[in-house]
Amino acid sequence: MRKGDTVVADGGHTHSAEATLRQRRPLAGFGAAFRAEIAKGKRTAARKTALIAPLPVCLMGLMSSGIVTGGLGPGGVGYNTYGWCYWYTLLLPVAIALISAGVAGIDTRGKLHGVMGSPVDLRAVWRAKAAYALVLVVCANAVVALCSIVAHALGGSAAGGAASLAMAALLTFSSLWMVPAGLFLTMRIGTLAGIVAPLLVQLAGGIAFYGSAFWWLFPPAAAMRLCSPFAGVAPSGVPLTANDAYGIVDVQWFLALGIAVFAGCALVIVGGAWFRRQEAK
């Protein structure tokens, strides 16, 4: 029997040869799957995206922080606007969409034959893909945070170490939902859908709702607003004034973070259940 042939199981249901072979082997877990994703990631653009995507905003942020030009950028704003705010409202969603599609793409190009023929729990494979993509998102946020810390240490107008690390963590957690969404759409429909659909939801939805009274219920809006108290700027990039609503950390702020994390984790779990039922095409 050739790889990919179809066999008939009990009850008349059909299963691929890969699925039958998997049932006969002991299945490896998350550790093995994650190591495999790291190895496969060397052949994709996802890793480069994580390191290159932050560079434009880092450069603009450093130029506006005052350490390069000897004065702040237009309007008196610094790194927190041209670096942090431009990053999490514009470029970070693009980076996450590209990273997720890139992590999923290497297996979809092979029609999942390599995954289905490996003795690994498919749920572990899905979780490993989500974890690897999230690690790359952490790296991208870390690049922006590192530049901010350096600018602050050199006397520029930028968030210091504690605020920068807090924003990097907040952006990772609040944007978690985009990773499983991008993985699913790339595997189910195609790369274009995996990139465009989550990106449009994040940008259009976030911009539409971050100023509403119910922003905390919508993770895309939370991803644009949670960092405002630490950056000192509104999602629009305008510096905050005293008692500005965007600068307050209250019950709604914590609810927004909790809902965003819950939504992301729920999508990972649901996606794992879906992926477990897949067979090589």
Protein backbone atom coordinates (compact mmCIF):
# COMPACT_ATOMS: atom_id res chain seq x y z
CA MET A 1 0.00 0.00 0.00
CA ARG A 2 1.39 3.35 -0.99
CA LYS A 3 1.49 6.33 1.39
CA GLY A 4 -1.74 8.27 1.09
CA ASP A 5 -3.84 5.28 -0.11
CA THR A 6 -7.28 4.89 1.44
CA VAL A 7 -8.34 1.87 3.48
CA VAL A 8 -11.81 0.86 4.69
CA ALA A 9 -12.25 0.54 8.45
CA ASP A 10 -15.05 -1.08 10.47
CA GLY A 11 -18.48 0.32 9.76
CA GLY A 12 -17.59 1.38 6.24
CA HIS A 13 -15.73 4.56 7.30
CA THR A 14 -12.66 5.45 5.27
CA HIS A 15 -9.33 6.53 6.71
CA SER A 16 -6.03 7.33 5.10
CA ALA A 17 -3.07 4.98 5.34
CA GLU A 18 -1.28 7.63 7.41
CA ALA A 19 -4.09 7.62 10.01
CA THR A 20 -4.05 3.82 10.18
CA LEU A 21 -0.29 3.79 10.63
CA ARG A 22 -0.55 6.38 13.39
CA GLN A 23 -3.02 4.21 15.29
CA ARG A 24 -0.50 1.39 15.39
CA ARG A 25 2.36 3.42 16.86
CA PRO A 26 2.84 4.98 20.30
CA LEU A 27 2.31 8.71 19.86
CA ALA A 28 4.92 11.24 20.95
CA GLY A 29 3.83 14.38 22.79
CA PHE A 30 4.29 18.13 22.86
CA GLY A 31 8.06 18.13 23.43
CA ALA A 32 8.82 16.16 20.29
CA ALA A 33 6.32 18.17 18.27
CA PHE A 34 7.75 21.48 19.46
CA ARG A 35 11.31 20.45 18.58
CA ALA A 36 10.07 19.48 15.14
CA GLU A 37 8.44 22.89 14.67
CA ILE A 38 11.68 24.63 15.60
CA ALA A 39 13.56 22.53 13.05
CA LYS A 40 10.97 23.18 10.34
CA GLY A 41 10.89 26.87 11.22
CA LYS A 42 14.44 27.28 9.95
CA ARG A 43 13.10 26.85 6.43
CA THR A 44 10.37 29.50 6.66
CA ALA A 45 10.24 33.28 6.62
CA ALA A 46 8.43 33.35 9.98
CA ARG A 47 11.66 33.62 11.98
CA LYS A 48 12.95 36.47 9.81
CA THR A 49 9.62 38.26 10.11
CA ALA A 50 9.89 38.25 13.90
CA LEU A 51 13.25 40.01 13.74
CA ILE A 52 12.75 42.30 10.74
CA ALA A 53 9.16 43.53 11.21
CA PRO A 54 9.92 45.62 14.35
CA LEU A 55 12.87 47.44 12.77
CA PRO A 56 10.95 50.26 11.00
CA VAL A 57 9.15 51.35 14.17
CA CYS A 58 12.33 50.95 16.22
CA LEU A 59 14.14 53.27 13.82
CA MET A 60 11.33 55.84 13.86
CA GLY A 61 11.13 55.55 17.63
CA LEU A 62 14.84 56.11 18.12
CA MET A 63 14.80 59.08 15.74
CA SER A 64 11.90 60.68 17.64
CA SER A 65 13.22 59.88 21.12
CA GLY A 66 15.72 62.75 20.98
CA ILE A 67 18.92 60.74 21.29
CA VAL A 68 19.69 60.98 17.55
CA THR A 69 18.38 64.39 16.53
CA GLY A 70 18.95 66.20 19.81
CA GLY A 71 15.23 66.91 20.12
CA LEU A 72 11.90 65.09 20.04
CA GLY A 73 10.01 64.36 16.88
CA PRO A 74 6.99 66.26 15.50
CA GLY A 75 4.54 67.26 18.20
CA GLY A 76 7.03 66.61 20.98
CA VAL A 77 6.35 62.87 21.05
CA GLY A 78 9.04 60.24 21.50
CA TYR A 79 9.66 56.51 21.19
CA ASN A 80 6.39 55.62 22.90
CA THR A 81 4.43 57.02 19.95
CA TYR A 82 6.57 56.24 16.92
CA GLY A 83 7.95 53.03 18.44
CA TRP A 84 5.46 51.41 20.78
CA CYS A 85 2.15 52.84 19.58
CA TYR A 86 2.86 52.40 15.87
CA TRP A 87 4.05 48.89 16.63
CA TYR A 88 1.02 47.56 18.44
CA THR A 89 -1.59 49.37 16.36
CA LEU A 90 -0.12 48.74 12.90
CA LEU A 91 2.91 46.50 12.42
CA LEU A 92 2.45 43.92 15.16
CA PRO A 93 -0.83 42.59 13.68
CA VAL A 94 0.90 42.31 10.30
CA ALA A 95 3.83 40.46 11.88
CA ILE A 96 1.58 38.00 13.76
CA ALA A 97 -0.46 37.26 10.63
CA LEU A 98 2.70 36.57 8.61
CA ILE A 99 4.28 34.50 11.38
CA SER A 100 1.19 32.31 11.88
CA ALA A 101 0.75 31.72 8.15
CA GLY A 102 4.45 30.93 7.83
CA VAL A 103 4.41 28.39 10.66
CA ALA A 104 1.37 26.67 9.16
CA GLY A 105 2.53 26.93 5.58
CA ILE A 106 5.35 24.40 5.53
CA ASP A 107 2.99 21.54 6.39
CA THR A 108 0.11 22.72 4.22
CA ARG A 109 2.41 22.86 1.19
CA GLY A 110 3.08 19.18 1.79
CA LYS A 111 -0.67 18.54 2.26
CA LEU A 112 0.03 17.43 5.85
CA HIS A 113 1.53 14.12 4.74
CA GLY A 114 4.63 14.60 6.89
CA VAL A 115 2.57 15.33 10.00
CA MET A 116 0.02 12.58 9.43
CA GLY A 117 2.74 10.02 8.85
CA SER A 118 4.60 10.87 12.06
CA PRO A 119 3.88 9.09 15.37
CA VAL A 120 2.91 12.31 17.17
CA ASP A 121 -0.41 13.23 18.79
CA LEU A 122 -2.08 15.67 16.40
CA ARG A 123 -3.27 17.81 19.30
CA ALA A 124 0.35 18.10 20.41
CA VAL A 125 1.33 19.11 16.87
CA TRP A 126 -1.27 21.88 16.87
CA ARG A 127 -0.21 23.14 20.31
CA ALA A 128 3.42 23.04 19.22
CA LYS A 129 2.65 25.15 16.17
CA ALA A 130 0.78 27.68 18.29
CA ALA A 131 3.58 27.74 20.87
CA TYR A 132 6.31 28.19 18.27
CA ALA A 133 4.42 31.03 16.59
CA LEU A 134 3.88 32.64 20.00
CA VAL A 135 7.60 32.38 20.78
CA LEU A 136 8.31 34.30 17.57
CA VAL A 137 5.76 36.94 18.58
CA VAL A 138 7.53 37.26 21.94
CA CYS A 139 10.83 37.75 20.10
CA ALA A 140 9.32 40.48 17.92
CA ASN A 141 7.95 42.32 20.96
CA ALA A 142 11.30 41.88 22.69
CA VAL A 143 13.07 43.71 19.85
CA VAL A 144 10.83 46.76 20.34
CA ALA A 145 11.26 46.55 24.12
CA LEU A 146 15.05 46.32 23.86
CA CYS A 147 15.25 49.41 21.66
CA SER A 148 12.98 51.29 24.06
CA ILE A 149 15.14 50.34 27.05
CA VAL A 150 18.30 51.41 25.22
CA ALA A 151 16.74 54.75 24.23
CA HIS A 152 15.63 55.34 27.82
CA ALA A 153 19.09 54.45 29.17
CA LEU A 154 20.67 56.96 26.80
CA GLY A 155 18.41 59.73 28.06
CA GLY A 156 15.81 59.63 25.31
CA SER A 157 12.06 59.96 25.66
CA ALA A 158 11.12 56.27 25.88
CA ALA A 159 9.64 53.73 28.28
CA GLY A 160 12.16 52.22 30.69
CA GLY A 161 12.80 48.60 31.56
CA ALA A 162 9.76 47.80 33.70
CA ALA A 163 7.25 49.54 31.43
CA SER A 164 8.79 48.05 28.28
CA LEU A 165 8.73 44.50 29.63
CA ALA A 166 5.15 45.00 30.81
CA MET A 167 4.07 46.19 27.36
CA ALA A 168 5.85 43.32 25.62
CA ALA A 169 4.01 40.83 27.85
CA LEU A 170 0.65 42.58 27.43
CA LEU A 171 0.96 42.64 23.66
CA THR A 172 1.81 38.95 23.56
CA PHE A 173 -1.16 37.92 25.71
CA SER A 174 -3.71 40.29 24.17
CA SER A 175 -2.79 39.26 20.61
CA LEU A 176 -2.83 35.52 21.34
CA TRP A 177 -6.10 34.98 19.51
CA MET A 178 -4.51 35.85 16.15
CA VAL A 179 -2.15 32.84 16.28
CA PRO A 180 -4.67 29.95 16.28
CA ALA A 181 -6.95 31.94 13.97
CA GLY A 182 -4.14 32.35 11.45
CA LEU A 183 -3.08 28.71 11.76
CA PHE A 184 -6.61 27.43 11.22
CA LEU A 185 -7.44 29.64 8.25
CA THR A 186 -4.12 28.90 6.55
CA MET A 187 -4.58 25.15 6.92
CA ARG A 188 -8.30 25.13 6.16
CA ILE A 189 -8.56 27.71 3.35
CA GLY A 190 -5.14 28.98 2.33
CA THR A 191 -2.31 31.36 3.05
CA LEU A 192 -4.11 34.47 1.81
CA ALA A 193 -7.08 33.85 4.11
CA GLY A 194 -4.75 33.04 7.01
CA ILE A 195 -3.05 36.42 6.63
CA VAL A 196 -5.81 38.77 5.53
CA ALA A 197 -8.78 37.69 7.67
CA PRO A 198 -7.17 37.93 11.15
CA LEU A 199 -5.36 41.10 10.10
CA LEU A 200 -8.57 42.81 8.99
CA VAL A 201 -10.39 41.77 12.18
CA GLN A 202 -7.56 43.10 14.34
CA LEU A 203 -7.07 46.40 12.52
CA ALA A 204 -10.66 47.24 11.59
CA GLY A 205 -12.18 45.84 14.77
CA GLY A 206 -9.57 47.33 17.04
CA ILE A 207 -9.81 50.79 15.51
CA ALA A 208 -13.60 50.68 15.52
CA PHE A 209 -13.99 49.61 19.16
CA TYR A 210 -10.99 50.79 21.19
CA GLY A 211 -12.80 54.03 22.04
CA SER A 212 -16.17 52.46 22.82
CA ALA A 213 -17.60 51.76 26.26
CA PHE A 214 -17.38 48.01 25.63
CA TRP A 215 -13.82 47.87 24.34
CA TRP A 216 -12.85 45.41 27.08
CA LEU A 217 -15.11 42.71 25.59
CA PHE A 218 -13.25 42.69 22.26
CA PRO A 219 -9.65 41.37 22.20
CA PRO A 220 -8.61 43.36 19.08
CA ALA A 221 -9.57 46.58 20.89
CA ALA A 222 -7.82 45.40 24.05
CA ALA A 223 -4.62 44.78 22.08
CA MET A 224 -4.66 48.44 21.01
CA ARG A 225 -5.55 49.89 24.40
CA LEU A 226 -3.99 47.84 27.22
CA CYS A 227 -0.54 49.39 26.81
CA SER A 228 -1.74 53.02 26.91
CA PRO A 229 -1.17 53.46 30.69
CA PHE A 230 2.45 52.30 30.29
CA ALA A 231 3.20 54.09 27.01
CA GLY A 232 1.53 57.33 28.08
CA VAL A 233 -0.14 57.70 24.69
CA ALA A 234 -3.62 56.89 23.39
CA PRO A 235 -4.04 54.26 20.65
CA SER A 236 -4.15 57.19 18.22
CA GLY A 237 -0.62 58.15 19.27
CA VAL A 238 -1.67 61.34 21.06
CA PRO A 239 0.04 61.84 24.45
CA LEU A 240 -2.31 61.29 27.40
CA THR A 241 -3.48 64.13 29.60
CA ALA A 242 -4.17 63.99 33.33
CA ASN A 243 -7.05 61.63 34.22
CA ASP A 244 -7.33 60.46 30.62
CA ALA A 245 -9.51 57.33 30.39
CA TYR A 246 -6.87 55.54 28.31
CA GLY A 247 -4.37 55.87 31.12
CA ILE A 248 -6.47 54.24 33.84
CA VAL A 249 -5.86 50.69 35.03
CA ASP A 250 -9.21 49.64 36.48
CA VAL A 251 -11.54 46.64 36.60
CA GLN A 252 -12.33 46.94 32.90
CA TRP A 253 -8.61 46.93 32.08
CA PHE A 254 -8.12 43.62 33.95
CA LEU A 255 -11.29 42.17 32.43
CA ALA A 256 -10.03 43.05 28.96
CA LEU A 257 -6.75 41.26 29.60
CA GLY A 258 -8.50 38.21 31.05
CA ILE A 259 -10.98 37.97 28.17
CA ALA A 260 -8.20 38.31 25.59
CA VAL A 261 -6.17 35.52 27.21
CA PHE A 262 -9.24 33.31 27.57
CA ALA A 263 -10.23 33.84 23.93
CA GLY A 264 -6.73 32.97 22.72
CA CYS A 265 -6.48 29.84 24.87
CA ALA A 266 -9.99 28.74 23.86
CA LEU A 267 -9.11 29.04 20.18
CA VAL A 268 -5.97 26.97 20.73
CA ILE A 269 -8.01 24.22 22.43
CA VAL A 270 -10.77 24.25 19.81
CA GLY A 271 -8.19 24.28 17.04
CA GLY A 272 -6.47 21.27 18.56
CA ALA A 273 -9.73 19.33 18.58
CA TRP A 274 -10.29 20.25 14.93
CA PHE A 275 -6.75 19.36 13.87
CA ARG A 276 -6.97 15.98 15.59
CA ARG A 277 -9.73 14.99 13.18
CA GLN A 278 -7.78 15.92 10.07
CA GLU A 279 -6.27 13.48 7.64
CA ALA A 280 -3.79 13.98 4.84
CA LYS A 281 -5.47 15.19 1.67
